[in-house]
Amino acid sequence: MNVLVGAEPIALADRERMASRCSRAHFTFALTPAEMLAAAPGAEVIFAKGIPREVLAAATQLRWVQAGTAGVDGLIRQGLRERDVLLTNARGAHGIPMAENILTMALCFATRMHLMIRSQRTRGRIGRQVIRDKWELHGQTMLVLGLGDIGGTLAQKARALGMRVLGVRRSGRSHQHCDAVYRPEGLPEALPQADHVALCLPLTEETRGVIGERELRLMKPTAHIYNVGRGASIDGDALRQALAEGRIAGAGLDCVAPSDTPADDDPLWDMDNVILSMHTSGSSPYNSQRITDIFLDNLERYLAGAPLVNVVDQRLGY
């Protein structure tokens, strides 16, 4: 069985681990898109963080794609379901760094550390301002939209900091680290309670624009919003306007519409109440090990004819 691995983000030790653990599979470790394209026609399985459209088109023997990411909206749009190709994601690999990213931004807002770092180069004496304006996360309310690996990890860590945690998820099922969980239709009831609103969502038709003008107006003027999922989950124009007008206190954005990473002339760059982490939230020194662990577990299941984990419902988008 031929397995094509997009090897660029996979550490050499993890590539060696794959080859030694699964003798029944023939691995091709492609370091460039050209190498991926050359190996694609014979591949039954592809494991990669990013797969060019032409590679998928050339992979005529493809039966299963293991994504090295949690979000797979780009792969779904390329018609894997219509080709009867199984799709699994890397749910479980990125919860810790992405939750820590959100809490880092929240702690910066609370301590005003982001302002102190910015003023340091100009020797800005803002200590009195910081003392006047700082606050604590302890006792505040964190509202988490999406309680999968990322949102669930965030809920656990936020509660450990002494926060009250509310959640929103499609099923409305309770969560061990949440004080209450709402269905999406309950969002208008949950938003006014929150000091912090964190979007940990895949991009689907249901989550596109889930936070818009109406939802932003339901938030407290002292509240902060965070997005580590996809920029399109928040109406970008409405968000910029709410920040500029001071209708919400600030935003920590790993991604922002329309193109996830802001353009050079985007006003967000110059807003003191905005922290931009530029699509770095999911990165960690342990990424390679974690996504390889998920893939190897699934590969052994695949070879044994057993059900795979992290199977994506391509109709729902996650």
C-alpha atoms as a PDB file:
ATOM      1  CA  MET A   1       0.000   0.000   0.000  1.00  0.00           C
ATOM      2  CA  ASN A   2       1.418   3.379  -1.044  1.00  0.00           C
ATOM      3  CA  VAL A   3       1.308   6.190   1.499  1.00  0.00           C
ATOM      4  CA  LEU A   4       2.216   9.721   0.456  1.00  0.00           C
ATOM      5  CA  VAL A   5       3.394  11.949   3.311  1.00  0.00           C
ATOM      6  CA  GLY A   6       3.731  15.700   2.972  1.00  0.00           C
ATOM      7  CA  ALA A   7       6.956  15.600   4.947  1.00  0.00           C
ATOM      8  CA  GLU A   8       7.855  19.271   5.298  1.00  0.00           C
ATOM      9  CA  PRO A   9       6.312  19.745   8.806  1.00  0.00           C
ATOM     10  CA  ILE A  10       7.090  16.178   9.950  1.00  0.00           C
ATOM     11  CA  ALA A  11      10.328  15.770  11.924  1.00  0.00           C
ATOM     12  CA  LEU A  12      12.853  13.260  10.642  1.00  0.00           C
ATOM     13  CA  ALA A  13      12.449  11.159  13.802  1.00  0.00           C
ATOM     14  CA  ASP A  14       8.715  10.907  13.151  1.00  0.00           C
ATOM     15  CA  ARG A  15       9.247   9.926   9.521  1.00  0.00           C
ATOM     16  CA  GLU A  16      11.587   7.177  10.700  1.00  0.00           C
ATOM     17  CA  ARG A  17       9.002   6.129  13.264  1.00  0.00           C
ATOM     18  CA  MET A  18       6.374   5.703  10.527  1.00  0.00           C
ATOM     19  CA  ALA A  19       8.645   3.605   8.332  1.00  0.00           C
ATOM     20  CA  SER A  20       9.745   1.321  11.165  1.00  0.00           C
ATOM     21  CA  ARG A  21       6.294   0.817  12.649  1.00  0.00           C
ATOM     22  CA  CYS A  22       4.310  -0.080   9.511  1.00  0.00           C
ATOM     23  CA  SER A  23       6.185  -2.501   7.284  1.00  0.00           C
ATOM     24  CA  ARG A  24       3.060  -3.193   5.206  1.00  0.00           C
ATOM     25  CA  ALA A  25       3.039   0.389   3.913  1.00  0.00           C
ATOM     26  CA  HIS A  26       5.420   1.923   1.378  1.00  0.00           C
ATOM     27  CA  PHE A  27       6.028   5.543   2.382  1.00  0.00           C
ATOM     28  CA  THR A  28       6.957   8.380   0.064  1.00  0.00           C
ATOM     29  CA  PHE A  29       8.097  11.426   2.007  1.00  0.00           C
ATOM     30  CA  ALA A  30       7.618  14.417  -0.275  1.00  0.00           C
ATOM     31  CA  LEU A  31       9.381  17.634   0.734  1.00  0.00           C
ATOM     32  CA  THR A  32       7.994  19.847  -2.052  1.00  0.00           C
ATOM     33  CA  PRO A  33       4.696  20.215  -3.926  1.00  0.00           C
ATOM     34  CA  ALA A  34       6.445  18.894  -7.029  1.00  0.00           C
ATOM     35  CA  GLU A  35       7.490  15.744  -5.203  1.00  0.00           C
ATOM     36  CA  MET A  36       3.946  15.307  -3.895  1.00  0.00           C
ATOM     37  CA  LEU A  37       2.535  15.683  -7.394  1.00  0.00           C
ATOM     38  CA  ALA A  38       4.961  13.105  -8.810  1.00  0.00           C
ATOM     39  CA  ALA A  39       3.962  10.518  -6.178  1.00  0.00           C
ATOM     40  CA  ALA A  40       0.234  11.269  -6.171  1.00  0.00           C
ATOM     41  CA  PRO A  41      -0.982   8.877  -8.908  1.00  0.00           C
ATOM     42  CA  GLY A  42       0.007   5.771  -6.942  1.00  0.00           C
ATOM     43  CA  ALA A  43      -1.069   6.950  -3.494  1.00  0.00           C
ATOM     44  CA  GLU A  44      -3.862   5.135  -1.676  1.00  0.00           C
ATOM     45  CA  VAL A  45      -3.344   7.271   1.447  1.00  0.00           C
ATOM     46  CA  ILE A  46      -2.165  10.867   1.843  1.00  0.00           C
ATOM     47  CA  PHE A  47      -1.048  12.340   5.168  1.00  0.00           C
ATOM     48  CA  ALA A  48      -0.239  16.051   5.040  1.00  0.00           C
ATOM     49  CA  LYS A  49      -0.953  19.436   6.583  1.00  0.00           C
ATOM     50  CA  GLY A  50      -1.533  21.025   3.190  1.00  0.00           C
ATOM     51  CA  ILE A  51      -2.433  19.272  -0.052  1.00  0.00           C
ATOM     52  CA  PRO A  52      -2.383  21.246  -3.324  1.00  0.00           C
ATOM     53  CA  ARG A  53      -5.479  20.883  -5.483  1.00  0.00           C
ATOM     54  CA  GLU A  54      -3.484  19.385  -8.356  1.00  0.00           C
ATOM     55  CA  VAL A  55      -2.097  16.682  -6.053  1.00  0.00           C
ATOM     56  CA  LEU A  56      -5.583  15.561  -5.042  1.00  0.00           C
ATOM     57  CA  ALA A  57      -6.698  15.605  -8.664  1.00  0.00           C
ATOM     58  CA  ALA A  58      -3.747  13.427  -9.673  1.00  0.00           C
ATOM     59  CA  ALA A  59      -4.298  10.927  -6.840  1.00  0.00           C
ATOM     60  CA  THR A  60      -6.666   8.679  -8.760  1.00  0.00           C
ATOM     61  CA  GLN A  61      -6.119   5.688  -6.411  1.00  0.00           C
ATOM     62  CA  LEU A  62      -6.819   7.728  -3.281  1.00  0.00           C
ATOM     63  CA  ARG A  63      -8.993   6.122  -0.590  1.00  0.00           C
ATOM     64  CA  TRP A  64      -8.153   8.062   2.573  1.00  0.00           C
ATOM     65  CA  VAL A  65      -6.764  11.479   3.513  1.00  0.00           C
ATOM     66  CA  GLN A  66      -5.389  12.090   7.007  1.00  0.00           C
ATOM     67  CA  ALA A  67      -5.167  15.845   7.470  1.00  0.00           C
ATOM     68  CA  GLY A  68      -2.479  17.201   9.756  1.00  0.00           C
ATOM     69  CA  THR A  69      -4.850  19.970  10.829  1.00  0.00           C
ATOM     70  CA  ALA A  70      -8.141  20.164  12.693  1.00  0.00           C
ATOM     71  CA  GLY A  71      -9.769  22.471  10.143  1.00  0.00           C
ATOM     72  CA  VAL A  72     -10.469  20.726   6.833  1.00  0.00           C
ATOM     73  CA  ASP A  73     -12.858  23.092   5.023  1.00  0.00           C
ATOM     74  CA  GLY A  74     -10.367  23.518   2.156  1.00  0.00           C
ATOM     75  CA  LEU A  75     -10.146  19.762   1.603  1.00  0.00           C
ATOM     76  CA  ILE A  76     -13.915  19.331   1.733  1.00  0.00           C
ATOM     77  CA  ARG A  77     -14.356  21.970  -0.965  1.00  0.00           C
ATOM     78  CA  GLN A  78     -12.186  19.858  -3.267  1.00  0.00           C
ATOM     79  CA  GLY A  79     -14.836  17.142  -3.520  1.00  0.00           C
ATOM     80  CA  LEU A  80     -13.410  14.239  -1.509  1.00  0.00           C
ATOM     81  CA  ARG A  81     -16.891  13.114  -0.488  1.00  0.00           C
ATOM     82  CA  GLU A  82     -17.999  12.877  -4.108  1.00  0.00           C
ATOM     83  CA  ARG A  83     -14.978  10.670  -4.781  1.00  0.00           C
ATOM     84  CA  ASP A  84     -15.831   8.468  -1.790  1.00  0.00           C
ATOM     85  CA  VAL A  85     -12.520   9.371  -0.122  1.00  0.00           C
ATOM     86  CA  LEU A  86     -12.451   9.031   3.654  1.00  0.00           C
ATOM     87  CA  LEU A  87     -11.260  12.153   5.487  1.00  0.00           C
ATOM     88  CA  THR A  88      -9.868  12.262   9.019  1.00  0.00           C
ATOM     89  CA  ASN A  89      -8.443  15.263  10.839  1.00  0.00           C
ATOM     90  CA  ALA A  90      -5.894  15.947  13.568  1.00  0.00           C
ATOM     91  CA  ARG A  91      -8.377  16.670  16.331  1.00  0.00           C
ATOM     92  CA  GLY A  92      -6.508  16.392  19.625  1.00  0.00           C
ATOM     93  CA  ALA A  93      -3.168  17.723  18.373  1.00  0.00           C
ATOM     94  CA  HIS A  94      -3.644  21.473  18.694  1.00  0.00           C
ATOM     95  CA  GLY A  95      -5.852  22.078  21.736  1.00  0.00           C
ATOM     96  CA  ILE A  96      -3.046  22.942  24.153  1.00  0.00           C
ATOM     97  CA  PRO A  97      -1.169  25.576  22.097  1.00  0.00           C
ATOM     98  CA  MET A  98      -4.357  27.193  20.788  1.00  0.00           C
ATOM     99  CA  ALA A  99      -5.958  27.391  24.224  1.00  0.00           C
ATOM    100  CA  GLU A 100      -2.737  28.841  25.606  1.00  0.00           C
ATOM    101  CA  ASN A 101      -2.727  31.386  22.765  1.00  0.00           C
ATOM    102  CA  ILE A 102      -6.177  32.650  23.755  1.00  0.00           C
ATOM    103  CA  LEU A 103      -5.282  32.804  27.439  1.00  0.00           C
ATOM    104  CA  THR A 104      -2.024  34.614  26.632  1.00  0.00           C
ATOM    105  CA  MET A 105      -3.996  37.324  24.854  1.00  0.00           C
ATOM    106  CA  ALA A 106      -6.573  37.487  27.640  1.00  0.00           C
ATOM    107  CA  LEU A 107      -3.835  37.794  30.268  1.00  0.00           C
ATOM    108  CA  CYS A 108      -2.159  40.540  28.233  1.00  0.00           C
ATOM    109  CA  PHE A 109      -5.400  42.509  28.149  1.00  0.00           C
ATOM    110  CA  ALA A 110      -5.929  41.986  31.883  1.00  0.00           C
ATOM    111  CA  THR A 111      -2.413  43.022  32.908  1.00  0.00           C
ATOM    112  CA  ARG A 112      -2.060  45.585  30.071  1.00  0.00           C
ATOM    113  CA  MET A 113       1.148  43.761  29.224  1.00  0.00           C
ATOM    114  CA  HIS A 114       0.611  44.279  25.503  1.00  0.00           C
ATOM    115  CA  LEU A 115       0.709  48.051  26.040  1.00  0.00           C
ATOM    116  CA  MET A 116       3.805  47.864  28.233  1.00  0.00           C
ATOM    117  CA  ILE A 117       5.658  45.800  25.621  1.00  0.00           C
ATOM    118  CA  ARG A 118       4.725  48.291  22.899  1.00  0.00           C
ATOM    119  CA  SER A 119       5.846  51.270  25.009  1.00  0.00           C
ATOM    120  CA  GLN A 120       9.152  49.697  26.044  1.00  0.00           C
ATOM    121  CA  ARG A 121      11.037  50.605  22.864  1.00  0.00           C
ATOM    122  CA  THR A 122      10.087  54.265  23.220  1.00  0.00           C
ATOM    123  CA  ARG A 123      10.747  54.208  26.989  1.00  0.00           C
ATOM    124  CA  GLY A 124       7.111  55.047  27.559  1.00  0.00           C
ATOM    125  CA  ARG A 125       6.319  55.609  31.246  1.00  0.00           C
ATOM    126  CA  ILE A 126       2.846  54.106  31.369  1.00  0.00           C
ATOM    127  CA  GLY A 127       2.998  52.489  34.805  1.00  0.00           C
ATOM    128  CA  ARG A 128       0.355  54.747  36.346  1.00  0.00           C
ATOM    129  CA  GLN A 129      -1.993  54.105  33.419  1.00  0.00           C
ATOM    130  CA  VAL A 130      -1.493  50.357  33.763  1.00  0.00           C
ATOM    131  CA  ILE A 131      -2.135  50.419  37.514  1.00  0.00           C
ATOM    132  CA  ARG A 132      -5.342  52.337  36.887  1.00  0.00           C
ATOM    133  CA  ASP A 133      -6.623  50.135  34.066  1.00  0.00           C
ATOM    134  CA  LYS A 134      -5.516  46.552  34.828  1.00  0.00           C
ATOM    135  CA  TRP A 135      -7.843  43.837  36.106  1.00  0.00           C
ATOM    136  CA  GLU A 136      -7.919  40.091  36.809  1.00  0.00           C
ATOM    137  CA  LEU A 137      -9.256  37.120  34.881  1.00  0.00           C
ATOM    138  CA  HIS A 138     -10.165  35.399  38.138  1.00  0.00           C
ATOM    139  CA  GLY A 139     -13.923  35.633  38.636  1.00  0.00           C
ATOM    140  CA  GLN A 140     -14.659  36.732  35.082  1.00  0.00           C
ATOM    141  CA  THR A 141     -16.744  34.789  32.555  1.00  0.00           C
ATOM    142  CA  MET A 142     -15.282  33.073  29.492  1.00  0.00           C
ATOM    143  CA  LEU A 143     -17.762  32.075  26.770  1.00  0.00           C
ATOM    144  CA  VAL A 144     -16.349  29.362  24.491  1.00  0.00           C
ATOM    145  CA  LEU A 145     -17.942  28.768  21.089  1.00  0.00           C
ATOM    146  CA  GLY A 146     -17.107  25.217  20.066  1.00  0.00           C
ATOM    147  CA  LEU A 147     -16.215  22.613  22.680  1.00  0.00           C
ATOM    148  CA  GLY A 148     -14.060  20.247  20.670  1.00  0.00           C
ATOM    149  CA  ASP A 149     -10.386  19.676  21.431  1.00  0.00           C
ATOM    150  CA  ILE A 150      -9.475  23.368  21.338  1.00  0.00           C
ATOM    151  CA  GLY A 151     -12.536  24.773  23.064  1.00  0.00           C
ATOM    152  CA  GLY A 152     -12.650  21.978  25.616  1.00  0.00           C
ATOM    153  CA  THR A 153      -8.995  22.518  26.508  1.00  0.00           C
ATOM    154  CA  LEU A 154      -9.614  26.254  26.801  1.00  0.00           C
ATOM    155  CA  ALA A 155     -12.593  25.645  29.099  1.00  0.00           C
ATOM    156  CA  GLN A 156     -10.460  23.467  31.359  1.00  0.00           C
ATOM    157  CA  LYS A 157      -7.595  25.973  31.539  1.00  0.00           C
ATOM    158  CA  ALA A 158      -9.883  28.979  32.002  1.00  0.00           C
ATOM    159  CA  ARG A 159     -11.663  27.305  34.891  1.00  0.00           C
ATOM    160  CA  ALA A 160      -8.274  26.486  36.452  1.00  0.00           C
ATOM    161  CA  LEU A 161      -7.591  30.242  36.448  1.00  0.00           C
ATOM    162  CA  GLY A 162     -10.727  30.794  38.484  1.00  0.00           C
ATOM    163  CA  MET A 163     -12.996  31.834  35.630  1.00  0.00           C
ATOM    164  CA  ARG A 164     -16.661  31.013  35.186  1.00  0.00           C
ATOM    165  CA  VAL A 165     -16.947  29.152  31.886  1.00  0.00           C
ATOM    166  CA  LEU A 166     -19.927  29.018  29.534  1.00  0.00           C
ATOM    167  CA  GLY A 167     -19.997  27.008  26.334  1.00  0.00           C
ATOM    168  CA  VAL A 168     -21.881  26.899  23.056  1.00  0.00           C
ATOM    169  CA  ARG A 169     -22.100  23.775  20.943  1.00  0.00           C
ATOM    170  CA  ARG A 170     -24.474  22.308  18.407  1.00  0.00           C
ATOM    171  CA  SER A 171     -25.684  19.456  20.631  1.00  0.00           C
ATOM    172  CA  GLY A 172     -26.127  21.561  23.761  1.00  0.00           C
ATOM    173  CA  ARG A 173     -24.662  18.692  25.797  1.00  0.00           C
ATOM    174  CA  SER A 174     -23.147  19.578  29.146  1.00  0.00           C
ATOM    175  CA  HIS A 175     -19.362  19.749  29.460  1.00  0.00           C
ATOM    176  CA  GLN A 176     -17.333  18.856  32.516  1.00  0.00           C
ATOM    177  CA  HIS A 177     -15.425  22.155  32.485  1.00  0.00           C
ATOM    178  CA  CYS A 178     -18.394  24.443  31.757  1.00  0.00           C
ATOM    179  CA  ASP A 179     -20.823  25.934  34.230  1.00  0.00           C
ATOM    180  CA  ALA A 180     -23.497  25.969  31.508  1.00  0.00           C
ATOM    181  CA  VAL A 181     -23.723  24.998  27.839  1.00  0.00           C
ATOM    182  CA  TYR A 182     -26.043  26.585  25.260  1.00  0.00           C
ATOM    183  CA  ARG A 183     -27.140  25.536  21.816  1.00  0.00           C
ATOM    184  CA  PRO A 184     -26.291  28.049  19.040  1.00  0.00           C
ATOM    185  CA  GLU A 185     -29.771  29.547  19.265  1.00  0.00           C
ATOM    186  CA  GLY A 186     -28.995  30.414  22.892  1.00  0.00           C
ATOM    187  CA  LEU A 187     -26.069  32.636  21.916  1.00  0.00           C
ATOM    188  CA  PRO A 188     -28.054  35.883  22.457  1.00  0.00           C
ATOM    189  CA  GLU A 189     -28.634  34.800  26.068  1.00  0.00           C
ATOM    190  CA  ALA A 190     -24.999  33.835  26.642  1.00  0.00           C
ATOM    191  CA  LEU A 191     -23.206  36.793  25.032  1.00  0.00           C
ATOM    192  CA  PRO A 192     -24.321  39.518  27.496  1.00  0.00           C
ATOM    193  CA  GLN A 193     -22.929  37.427  30.371  1.00  0.00           C
ATOM    194  CA  ALA A 194     -19.426  37.115  28.931  1.00  0.00           C
ATOM    195  CA  ASP A 195     -16.304  39.122  29.681  1.00  0.00           C
ATOM    196  CA  HIS A 196     -14.451  37.083  27.071  1.00  0.00           C
ATOM    197  CA  VAL A 197     -15.842  35.409  23.939  1.00  0.00           C
ATOM    198  CA  ALA A 198     -13.596  32.795  22.311  1.00  0.00           C
ATOM    199  CA  LEU A 199     -14.333  31.270  18.905  1.00  0.00           C
ATOM    200  CA  CYS A 200     -12.829  27.778  18.587  1.00  0.00           C
ATOM    201  CA  LEU A 201     -14.846  26.727  15.552  1.00  0.00           C
ATOM    202  CA  PRO A 202     -14.329  24.984  12.226  1.00  0.00           C
ATOM    203  CA  LEU A 203     -15.611  26.901   9.226  1.00  0.00           C
ATOM    204  CA  THR A 204     -18.956  25.510   8.061  1.00  0.00           C
ATOM    205  CA  GLU A 205     -22.110  27.032   6.637  1.00  0.00           C
ATOM    206  CA  GLU A 206     -23.452  27.178  10.199  1.00  0.00           C
ATOM    207  CA  THR A 207     -20.396  28.916  11.669  1.00  0.00           C
ATOM    208  CA  ARG A 208     -19.726  31.384   8.858  1.00  0.00           C
ATOM    209  CA  GLY A 209     -20.579  34.834  10.247  1.00  0.00           C
ATOM    210  CA  VAL A 210     -21.816  33.401  13.541  1.00  0.00           C
ATOM    211  CA  ILE A 211     -20.658  36.651  15.167  1.00  0.00           C
ATOM    212  CA  GLY A 212     -21.982  39.661  13.314  1.00  0.00           C
ATOM    213  CA  GLU A 213     -23.260  43.164  14.028  1.00  0.00           C
ATOM    214  CA  ARG A 214     -26.157  41.908  16.151  1.00  0.00           C
ATOM    215  CA  GLU A 215     -23.995  39.613  18.276  1.00  0.00           C
ATOM    216  CA  LEU A 216     -21.295  42.241  18.809  1.00  0.00           C
ATOM    217  CA  ARG A 217     -23.942  44.662  20.083  1.00  0.00           C
ATOM    218  CA  LEU A 218     -25.034  42.041  22.610  1.00  0.00           C
ATOM    219  CA  MET A 219     -21.568  41.924  24.149  1.00  0.00           C
ATOM    220  CA  LYS A 220     -20.564  44.042  27.129  1.00  0.00           C
ATOM    221  CA  PRO A 221     -18.609  47.203  26.230  1.00  0.00           C
ATOM    222  CA  THR A 222     -15.887  45.831  28.546  1.00  0.00           C
ATOM    223  CA  ALA A 223     -15.756  42.428  26.810  1.00  0.00           C
ATOM    224  CA  HIS A 224     -12.999  41.020  24.606  1.00  0.00           C
ATOM    225  CA  ILE A 225     -13.379  38.626  21.685  1.00  0.00           C
ATOM    226  CA  TYR A 226     -10.885  36.028  20.400  1.00  0.00           C
ATOM    227  CA  ASN A 227     -10.758  33.933  17.229  1.00  0.00           C
ATOM    228  CA  VAL A 228      -8.412  30.994  16.597  1.00  0.00           C
ATOM    229  CA  GLY A 229     -10.637  29.114  14.140  1.00  0.00           C
ATOM    230  CA  ARG A 230     -11.333  30.793  10.814  1.00  0.00           C
ATOM    231  CA  GLY A 231     -11.597  34.521  10.202  1.00  0.00           C
ATOM    232  CA  ALA A 232     -14.916  34.180   8.381  1.00  0.00           C
ATOM    233  CA  SER A 233     -16.656  33.097  11.595  1.00  0.00           C
ATOM    234  CA  ILE A 234     -16.757  36.801  12.531  1.00  0.00           C
ATOM    235  CA  ASP A 235     -18.105  39.498  10.212  1.00  0.00           C
ATOM    236  CA  GLY A 236     -14.859  41.391   9.620  1.00  0.00           C
ATOM    237  CA  ASP A 237     -16.435  44.762   8.810  1.00  0.00           C
ATOM    238  CA  ALA A 238     -18.709  44.625  11.842  1.00  0.00           C
ATOM    239  CA  LEU A 239     -15.766  43.676  14.076  1.00  0.00           C
ATOM    240  CA  ARG A 240     -13.577  46.543  12.868  1.00  0.00           C
ATOM    241  CA  GLN A 241     -16.409  49.004  13.363  1.00  0.00           C
ATOM    242  CA  ALA A 242     -17.197  47.744  16.866  1.00  0.00           C
ATOM    243  CA  LEU A 243     -13.525  48.055  17.848  1.00  0.00           C
ATOM    244  CA  ALA A 244     -13.120  51.506  16.313  1.00  0.00           C
ATOM    245  CA  GLU A 245     -16.261  52.776  18.056  1.00  0.00           C
ATOM    246  CA  GLY A 246     -15.328  51.225  21.404  1.00  0.00           C
ATOM    247  CA  ARG A 247     -18.486  49.101  21.553  1.00  0.00           C
ATOM    248  CA  ILE A 248     -16.300  46.194  22.717  1.00  0.00           C
ATOM    249  CA  ALA A 249     -13.069  46.525  24.663  1.00  0.00           C
ATOM    250  CA  GLY A 250     -10.723  44.568  22.412  1.00  0.00           C
ATOM    251  CA  ALA A 251      -9.934  41.558  20.270  1.00  0.00           C
ATOM    252  CA  GLY A 252      -7.258  38.857  20.169  1.00  0.00           C
ATOM    253  CA  LEU A 253      -7.185  37.526  16.630  1.00  0.00           C
ATOM    254  CA  ASP A 254      -5.209  34.631  15.232  1.00  0.00           C
ATOM    255  CA  CYS A 255      -7.329  34.979  12.094  1.00  0.00           C
ATOM    256  CA  VAL A 256      -9.603  37.693  10.767  1.00  0.00           C
ATOM    257  CA  ALA A 257     -11.794  38.077   7.683  1.00  0.00           C
ATOM    258  CA  PRO A 258     -11.527  38.560   4.796  1.00  0.00           C
ATOM    259  CA  SER A 259      -8.249  36.659   4.316  1.00  0.00           C
ATOM    260  CA  ASP A 260      -7.297  35.481   7.839  1.00  0.00           C
ATOM    261  CA  THR A 261      -4.036  37.507   7.855  1.00  0.00           C
ATOM    262  CA  PRO A 262      -4.658  41.289   7.731  1.00  0.00           C
ATOM    263  CA  ALA A 263      -3.525  43.308   4.720  1.00  0.00           C
ATOM    264  CA  ASP A 264      -0.801  45.898   5.246  1.00  0.00           C
ATOM    265  CA  ASP A 265      -3.312  48.753   5.249  1.00  0.00           C
ATOM    266  CA  ASP A 266      -5.742  47.084   7.675  1.00  0.00           C
ATOM    267  CA  PRO A 267      -6.653  49.452  10.548  1.00  0.00           C
ATOM    268  CA  LEU A 268      -6.354  46.552  12.999  1.00  0.00           C
ATOM    269  CA  TRP A 269      -2.555  46.903  12.959  1.00  0.00           C
ATOM    270  CA  ASP A 270      -2.765  50.310  14.642  1.00  0.00           C
ATOM    271  CA  MET A 271      -5.434  49.567  17.258  1.00  0.00           C
ATOM    272  CA  ASP A 272      -4.089  49.431  20.813  1.00  0.00           C
ATOM    273  CA  ASN A 273      -7.027  47.204  21.803  1.00  0.00           C
ATOM    274  CA  VAL A 274      -6.130  44.496  19.262  1.00  0.00           C
ATOM    275  CA  ILE A 275      -3.575  41.681  19.462  1.00  0.00           C
ATOM    276  CA  LEU A 276      -2.794  39.895  16.187  1.00  0.00           C
ATOM    277  CA  SER A 277      -1.102  36.493  16.406  1.00  0.00           C
ATOM    278  CA  MET A 278      -1.170  35.904  12.632  1.00  0.00           C
ATOM    279  CA  HIS A 279      -2.106  32.234  12.361  1.00  0.00           C
ATOM    280  CA  THR A 280       0.525  31.010  14.814  1.00  0.00           C
ATOM    281  CA  SER A 281      -1.802  29.685  17.520  1.00  0.00           C
ATOM    282  CA  GLY A 282      -1.715  26.054  16.445  1.00  0.00           C
ATOM    283  CA  SER A 283       2.066  25.847  16.187  1.00  0.00           C
ATOM    284  CA  SER A 284       4.023  23.941  18.822  1.00  0.00           C
ATOM    285  CA  PRO A 285       7.312  22.039  19.082  1.00  0.00           C
ATOM    286  CA  TYR A 286       5.130  18.968  19.682  1.00  0.00           C
ATOM    287  CA  ASN A 287       2.997  19.276  16.529  1.00  0.00           C
ATOM    288  CA  SER A 288       4.944  16.703  14.529  1.00  0.00           C
ATOM    289  CA  GLN A 289       4.834  14.115  17.300  1.00  0.00           C
ATOM    290  CA  ARG A 290       1.149  14.625  18.009  1.00  0.00           C
ATOM    291  CA  ILE A 291      -0.126  14.511  14.432  1.00  0.00           C
ATOM    292  CA  THR A 292       2.108  11.524  13.691  1.00  0.00           C
ATOM    293  CA  ASP A 293       0.670   9.707  16.733  1.00  0.00           C
ATOM    294  CA  ILE A 294      -2.845  10.296  15.379  1.00  0.00           C
ATOM    295  CA  PHE A 295      -1.880   9.158  11.889  1.00  0.00           C
ATOM    296  CA  LEU A 296      -0.082   5.998  13.028  1.00  0.00           C
ATOM    297  CA  ASP A 297      -3.006   4.969  15.213  1.00  0.00           C
ATOM    298  CA  ASN A 298      -5.347   5.464  12.271  1.00  0.00           C
ATOM    299  CA  LEU A 299      -3.010   3.718   9.829  1.00  0.00           C
ATOM    300  CA  GLU A 300      -2.949   0.605  12.007  1.00  0.00           C
ATOM    301  CA  ARG A 301      -6.747   0.740  12.182  1.00  0.00           C
ATOM    302  CA  TYR A 302      -6.956   1.189   8.409  1.00  0.00           C
ATOM    303  CA  LEU A 303      -4.713  -1.796   7.736  1.00  0.00           C
ATOM    304  CA  ALA A 304      -6.746  -3.900  10.166  1.00  0.00           C
ATOM    305  CA  GLY A 305     -10.058  -2.853   8.637  1.00  0.00           C
ATOM    306  CA  ALA A 306     -11.110  -1.225  11.924  1.00  0.00           C
ATOM    307  CA  PRO A 307     -13.014   2.089  12.289  1.00  0.00           C
ATOM    308  CA  LEU A 308     -10.790   5.167  12.180  1.00  0.00           C
ATOM    309  CA  VAL A 309     -10.808   7.980  14.737  1.00  0.00           C
ATOM    310  CA  ASN A 310     -11.409  11.637  13.917  1.00  0.00           C
ATOM    311  CA  VAL A 311     -13.530  10.817  10.865  1.00  0.00           C
ATOM    312  CA  VAL A 312     -14.913  14.039   9.402  1.00  0.00           C
ATOM    313  CA  ASP A 313     -18.583  14.231   8.447  1.00  0.00           C
ATOM    314  CA  GLN A 314     -17.999  16.006   5.152  1.00  0.00           C
ATOM    315  CA  ARG A 315     -21.612  17.163   4.993  1.00  0.00           C
ATOM    316  CA  LEU A 316     -21.327  18.971   8.320  1.00  0.00           C
ATOM    317  CA  GLY A 317     -17.734  20.081   7.807  1.00  0.00           C
ATOM    318  CA  TYR A 318     -16.195  18.617  10.967  1.00  0.00           C
END
